[in-house]
Amino acid sequence: MIYLLLAVIFSTLMLVIFKLIGIWRLNVEQAVNSNYLFAAVTGFIFMPAGTSFIDIIGKDWFGFAFFAGTMFMINFYVYAASSKKDGVAITAVSAKMSVIIPVIAGFLLFKDQISTIKITGIISGIFSFYLILKKDDIKVEKNPGFILFPLLLFLGTGINDTIVKYVQFNFLNGDESLFVDAVFSVSFVLSFIILLWRVVINKVKIDIKSIMIGLVLGAVNFSGAWNFLKSMSYFEASVLFPVVNVSVVTLSTLVGIVIFKEKLKKINIIGLLTAVLSIILISLG
């Protein structure tokens, strides 16, 4: 249970840091890039004595780690593009709705138990995302291209989560920190190449403040990912993914109210109550 609670807390802290990045108008891309670097460095610090990067490459799960690290980086740019083109509300809902994919995989691939109470809780939890994250009226354009980025984000996030669970279920045996470190190392290398291209070709200036907050974000990110991965050993996928996602959205919303003085509409309050109910139902199921 402690791993689950820490995963929720660190994931919520990540959202708070992103909120501060927006308030302080820092460079999100540079913050994310340095975040991957520090997350990878954190992993190397806690790496078991005598373990080298060559040893990590030789692991039977390294190919999955490379894929997951690549998807993490791609999903970030898709999220940014979707937020700009389609709005934050639809983007956030699409990212959270992706929990459907690992939940279905839990039933089909990981032999999770199915019950009416659990299914009801999962459905209500998914619906709560829409209610909590709905800030303004979401307008759906007639242009078919409108759905492209949200759909890519939905599939990319959901598939990546499922891959990580698949690796934990079939390959990891005490290698959680090594796997997380490999994932963040791949993400850093790829995102650094893109950042270097922007600096050299597009003449983008390096913002020291963005880099510094990225270091803090990296430590939080690694801690959240490691605890989440450890939680997979104790909870079914159909329980863990909905509970963590719903808890993070609920807790971050409450933090927004208390710290950032954000106001909620009635529909958002209904969403919070629905989220709490869904967590109870999933736990009972």
Protein backbone atom coordinates (compact mmCIF):
# COMPACT_ATOMS: atom_id res chain seq x y z
CA MET A 1 0.00 0.00 0.00
CA ILE A 2 2.88 2.39 0.78
CA TYR A 3 4.15 2.11 -2.81
CA LEU A 4 0.69 2.99 -4.11
CA LEU A 5 0.37 6.01 -1.84
CA LEU A 6 3.83 7.29 -2.77
CA ALA A 7 3.10 6.78 -6.48
CA VAL A 8 -0.01 8.95 -6.12
CA ILE A 9 1.79 11.62 -4.09
CA PHE A 10 4.78 11.92 -6.44
CA SER A 11 2.55 11.89 -9.53
CA THR A 12 0.49 14.70 -8.01
CA LEU A 13 3.66 16.65 -7.22
CA MET A 14 4.61 16.37 -10.89
CA LEU A 15 1.35 18.05 -11.90
CA VAL A 16 1.94 20.78 -9.31
CA ILE A 17 5.41 21.42 -10.74
CA PHE A 18 3.99 21.62 -14.26
CA LYS A 19 1.44 24.10 -12.93
CA LEU A 20 4.27 26.24 -11.52
CA ILE A 21 6.16 26.00 -14.82
CA GLY A 22 3.10 27.48 -16.52
CA ILE A 23 2.66 30.21 -13.90
CA TRP A 24 6.33 31.19 -14.09
CA ARG A 25 6.24 30.98 -17.91
CA LEU A 26 9.25 28.73 -18.13
CA ASN A 27 10.27 26.61 -21.11
CA VAL A 28 8.35 23.34 -20.74
CA GLU A 29 10.41 21.47 -23.34
CA GLN A 30 13.71 22.30 -21.66
CA ALA A 31 12.29 21.46 -18.23
CA VAL A 32 11.12 18.07 -19.50
CA ASN A 33 14.46 17.38 -21.16
CA SER A 34 16.46 18.09 -18.00
CA ASN A 35 13.85 16.12 -16.07
CA TYR A 36 14.71 13.00 -18.06
CA LEU A 37 18.41 13.64 -17.44
CA PHE A 38 18.07 13.95 -13.68
CA ALA A 39 15.67 11.01 -13.50
CA ALA A 40 18.29 8.89 -15.30
CA VAL A 41 21.05 10.18 -13.01
CA THR A 42 18.90 9.36 -9.97
CA GLY A 43 18.57 5.84 -11.31
CA PHE A 44 22.32 5.50 -11.73
CA ILE A 45 22.86 6.67 -8.13
CA PHE A 46 20.63 3.91 -6.79
CA MET A 47 21.92 1.31 -9.23
CA PRO A 48 23.16 -1.88 -7.49
CA ALA A 49 26.92 -1.94 -7.01
CA GLY A 50 28.82 -3.53 -9.87
CA THR A 51 26.05 -2.94 -12.42
CA SER A 52 27.06 -1.22 -15.65
CA PHE A 53 25.06 0.22 -18.52
CA ILE A 54 26.32 -2.71 -20.62
CA ASP A 55 24.62 -5.04 -18.16
CA ILE A 56 21.35 -3.12 -18.59
CA ILE A 57 21.53 -3.37 -22.39
CA GLY A 58 21.96 -7.11 -22.04
CA LYS A 59 18.75 -7.53 -20.02
CA ASP A 60 15.93 -9.39 -21.78
CA TRP A 61 13.60 -6.46 -21.07
CA PHE A 62 15.84 -3.73 -22.55
CA GLY A 63 14.00 -3.70 -25.89
CA PHE A 64 10.77 -2.94 -24.04
CA ALA A 65 12.54 -0.22 -22.04
CA PHE A 66 13.76 1.37 -25.28
CA PHE A 67 10.23 1.31 -26.68
CA ALA A 68 8.74 2.74 -23.47
CA GLY A 69 11.35 5.51 -23.31
CA THR A 70 10.68 6.43 -26.94
CA MET A 71 6.93 6.50 -26.34
CA PHE A 72 7.31 8.68 -23.24
CA MET A 73 9.17 11.25 -25.31
CA ILE A 74 6.74 11.07 -28.25
CA ASN A 75 3.69 11.29 -25.99
CA PHE A 76 5.04 14.51 -24.49
CA TYR A 77 5.16 16.19 -27.90
CA VAL A 78 1.75 14.78 -28.85
CA TYR A 79 0.35 16.13 -25.57
CA ALA A 80 1.81 19.56 -26.31
CA ALA A 81 0.46 19.54 -29.88
CA SER A 82 -2.98 18.38 -28.74
CA SER A 83 -3.16 21.03 -26.02
CA LYS A 84 -2.33 23.73 -28.55
CA LYS A 85 -4.65 22.51 -31.31
CA ASP A 86 -7.56 20.92 -29.45
CA GLY A 87 -7.44 22.52 -26.00
CA VAL A 88 -6.29 21.42 -22.57
CA ALA A 89 -9.65 19.89 -21.56
CA ILE A 90 -9.91 17.36 -24.39
CA THR A 91 -6.19 16.60 -24.17
CA ALA A 92 -6.34 15.88 -20.43
CA VAL A 93 -9.44 13.73 -20.78
CA SER A 94 -7.87 11.77 -23.66
CA ALA A 95 -4.71 11.10 -21.64
CA LYS A 96 -6.67 9.90 -18.61
CA MET A 97 -9.18 7.87 -20.64
CA SER A 98 -6.21 5.83 -21.90
CA VAL A 99 -6.49 3.86 -18.65
CA ILE A 100 -9.07 1.77 -20.52
CA ILE A 101 -6.30 0.02 -22.47
CA PRO A 102 -4.24 -1.39 -19.55
CA VAL A 103 -7.48 -2.25 -17.74
CA ILE A 104 -8.68 -4.37 -20.67
CA ALA A 105 -5.20 -5.89 -20.91
CA GLY A 106 -5.44 -6.75 -17.22
CA PHE A 107 -8.47 -8.92 -17.90
CA LEU A 108 -7.17 -10.45 -21.14
CA LEU A 109 -3.43 -10.84 -20.50
CA PHE A 110 -2.79 -10.73 -16.77
CA LYS A 111 -5.70 -12.84 -15.50
CA ASP A 112 -7.28 -10.10 -13.37
CA GLN A 113 -10.48 -11.05 -11.60
CA ILE A 114 -13.69 -9.65 -13.06
CA SER A 115 -16.63 -8.57 -10.91
CA THR A 116 -19.67 -6.38 -11.42
CA ILE A 117 -18.60 -4.06 -8.61
CA LYS A 118 -15.10 -3.62 -10.07
CA ILE A 119 -16.42 -2.96 -13.59
CA THR A 120 -18.89 -0.41 -12.22
CA GLY A 121 -16.08 1.30 -10.33
CA ILE A 122 -13.84 1.41 -13.39
CA ILE A 123 -16.56 2.89 -15.59
CA SER A 124 -17.50 5.51 -12.98
CA GLY A 125 -13.82 6.33 -12.50
CA ILE A 126 -13.31 6.91 -16.20
CA PHE A 127 -16.44 9.07 -16.33
CA SER A 128 -15.16 11.09 -13.36
CA PHE A 129 -12.16 12.20 -15.45
CA TYR A 130 -14.50 14.01 -17.82
CA LEU A 131 -16.49 15.61 -15.00
CA ILE A 132 -13.44 16.76 -12.99
CA LEU A 133 -11.42 18.03 -15.96
CA LYS A 134 -14.31 19.82 -17.66
CA LYS A 135 -13.52 23.51 -17.20
CA ASP A 136 -15.24 25.02 -20.20
CA ASP A 137 -17.66 23.72 -22.77
CA ILE A 138 -15.81 21.24 -24.94
CA LYS A 139 -16.59 22.02 -28.54
CA VAL A 140 -16.10 19.22 -31.01
CA GLU A 141 -15.25 20.49 -34.44
CA LYS A 142 -16.62 18.92 -37.60
CA ASN A 143 -13.13 18.68 -39.05
CA PRO A 144 -12.11 14.96 -38.84
CA GLY A 145 -8.53 16.02 -38.09
CA PHE A 146 -9.73 17.40 -34.77
CA ILE A 147 -9.58 13.97 -33.17
CA LEU A 148 -6.10 13.02 -34.47
CA PHE A 149 -3.87 14.20 -31.62
CA PRO A 150 -6.25 13.18 -28.78
CA LEU A 151 -6.57 9.74 -30.40
CA LEU A 152 -2.79 9.37 -30.74
CA LEU A 153 -2.37 10.43 -27.11
CA PHE A 154 -5.04 7.97 -25.98
CA LEU A 155 -3.42 5.07 -27.85
CA GLY A 156 0.19 6.03 -27.09
CA THR A 157 -0.33 6.45 -23.36
CA GLY A 158 -2.51 3.37 -22.99
CA ILE A 159 -0.23 1.09 -25.01
CA ASN A 160 2.85 2.33 -23.18
CA ASP A 161 1.27 1.68 -19.77
CA THR A 162 0.33 -1.81 -20.93
CA ILE A 163 3.88 -2.50 -22.13
CA VAL A 164 5.30 -1.47 -18.75
CA LYS A 165 2.85 -3.77 -16.95
CA TYR A 166 3.71 -6.59 -19.38
CA VAL A 167 7.42 -6.22 -18.61
CA GLN A 168 6.78 -6.16 -14.85
CA PHE A 169 4.52 -9.21 -15.11
CA ASN A 170 6.86 -11.31 -17.24
CA PHE A 171 10.45 -10.11 -16.82
CA LEU A 172 11.26 -7.94 -13.82
CA ASN A 173 12.53 -9.62 -10.71
CA GLY A 174 14.05 -6.92 -8.57
CA ASP A 175 15.15 -4.92 -11.63
CA GLU A 176 12.57 -2.14 -11.19
CA SER A 177 15.11 0.64 -10.66
CA LEU A 178 17.23 -0.55 -13.59
CA PHE A 179 14.20 -0.66 -15.89
CA VAL A 180 13.05 2.83 -14.88
CA ASP A 181 16.59 4.14 -15.33
CA ALA A 182 16.81 2.61 -18.82
CA VAL A 183 13.46 4.13 -19.81
CA PHE A 184 14.44 7.63 -18.67
CA SER A 185 17.90 7.34 -20.26
CA VAL A 186 16.34 6.57 -23.64
CA SER A 187 13.86 9.44 -23.22
CA PHE A 188 16.69 11.83 -22.35
CA VAL A 189 18.89 10.90 -25.32
CA LEU A 190 16.05 11.27 -27.82
CA SER A 191 14.67 14.50 -26.34
CA PHE A 192 18.20 15.94 -26.06
CA ILE A 193 18.73 15.36 -29.78
CA ILE A 194 15.55 17.30 -30.52
CA LEU A 195 16.52 20.08 -28.08
CA LEU A 196 20.01 20.30 -29.60
CA TRP A 197 18.44 20.61 -33.04
CA ARG A 198 16.26 23.48 -31.82
CA VAL A 199 19.21 25.26 -30.21
CA VAL A 200 21.52 24.91 -33.22
CA ILE A 201 19.06 25.24 -36.09
CA ASN A 202 16.22 27.31 -34.60
CA LYS A 203 18.52 29.36 -32.35
CA VAL A 204 16.44 28.61 -29.24
CA LYS A 205 18.10 29.98 -26.09
CA ILE A 206 18.76 27.78 -23.07
CA ASP A 207 16.78 28.92 -20.02
CA ILE A 208 18.64 28.13 -16.80
CA LYS A 209 15.52 28.42 -14.63
CA SER A 210 13.72 25.88 -16.78
CA ILE A 211 16.67 23.51 -16.51
CA MET A 212 16.81 23.87 -12.72
CA ILE A 213 13.12 23.16 -12.15
CA GLY A 214 13.52 20.26 -14.57
CA LEU A 215 16.05 18.74 -12.18
CA VAL A 216 13.49 18.84 -9.37
CA LEU A 217 10.88 17.41 -11.72
CA GLY A 218 13.27 14.58 -12.61
CA ALA A 219 13.73 13.48 -9.00
CA VAL A 220 9.96 13.50 -8.47
CA ASN A 221 9.35 11.72 -11.78
CA PHE A 222 11.79 8.90 -11.01
CA SER A 223 10.32 8.44 -7.52
CA GLY A 224 6.78 8.30 -8.88
CA ALA A 225 7.66 5.87 -11.67
CA TRP A 226 9.63 3.56 -9.35
CA ASN A 227 6.87 3.40 -6.74
CA PHE A 228 4.24 2.87 -9.43
CA LEU A 229 6.24 0.00 -10.89
CA LYS A 230 6.68 -1.55 -7.44
CA SER A 231 2.92 -1.25 -6.88
CA MET A 232 2.31 -3.46 -9.91
CA SER A 233 3.60 -6.43 -7.93
CA TYR A 234 0.84 -6.05 -5.35
CA PHE A 235 -2.21 -4.90 -7.31
CA GLU A 236 -4.02 -6.12 -10.41
CA ALA A 237 -3.73 -3.87 -13.46
CA SER A 238 -7.51 -3.40 -13.52
CA VAL A 239 -7.27 -2.03 -9.97
CA LEU A 240 -3.95 -0.18 -9.96
CA PHE A 241 -4.28 1.96 -13.10
CA PRO A 242 -7.80 3.30 -12.40
CA VAL A 243 -7.13 3.90 -8.70
CA VAL A 244 -3.84 5.74 -9.32
CA ASN A 245 -5.24 7.85 -12.17
CA VAL A 246 -8.44 8.74 -10.33
CA SER A 247 -6.53 9.48 -7.10
CA VAL A 248 -4.00 11.72 -8.87
CA VAL A 249 -6.70 13.70 -10.68
CA THR A 250 -8.72 14.07 -7.46
CA LEU A 251 -5.75 15.02 -5.27
CA SER A 252 -4.31 17.46 -7.83
CA THR A 253 -7.73 19.11 -8.14
CA LEU A 254 -7.90 19.55 -4.36
CA VAL A 255 -4.36 20.97 -4.37
CA GLY A 256 -5.45 23.41 -7.08
CA ILE A 257 -8.31 24.59 -4.88
CA VAL A 258 -6.24 24.98 -1.71
CA ILE A 259 -2.92 26.29 -3.08
CA PHE A 260 -3.76 27.91 -6.41
CA LYS A 261 -7.26 29.11 -5.40
CA GLU A 262 -8.86 27.46 -8.40
CA LYS A 263 -12.66 27.42 -8.49
CA LEU A 264 -14.78 24.42 -9.36
CA LYS A 265 -18.08 24.22 -11.14
CA LYS A 266 -20.86 21.99 -9.86
CA ILE A 267 -19.98 19.42 -12.53
CA ASN A 268 -16.39 19.30 -11.20
CA ILE A 269 -17.61 18.69 -7.65
CA ILE A 270 -19.86 15.90 -8.91
CA GLY A 271 -16.79 14.49 -10.64
CA LEU A 272 -14.79 14.47 -7.39
CA LEU A 273 -17.58 12.64 -5.57
CA THR A 274 -17.83 10.17 -8.46
CA ALA A 275 -14.07 9.62 -8.29
CA VAL A 276 -14.18 8.81 -4.58
CA LEU A 277 -17.07 6.42 -5.16
CA SER A 278 -15.20 4.70 -8.01
CA ILE A 279 -12.12 4.12 -5.82
CA ILE A 280 -14.32 2.52 -3.15
CA LEU A 281 -16.06 0.28 -5.70
CA ILE A 282 -12.79 -0.82 -7.34
CA SER A 283 -11.30 -1.60 -3.94
CA LEU A 284 -14.34 -3.64 -2.93
CA GLY A 285 -14.37 -5.46 -6.28
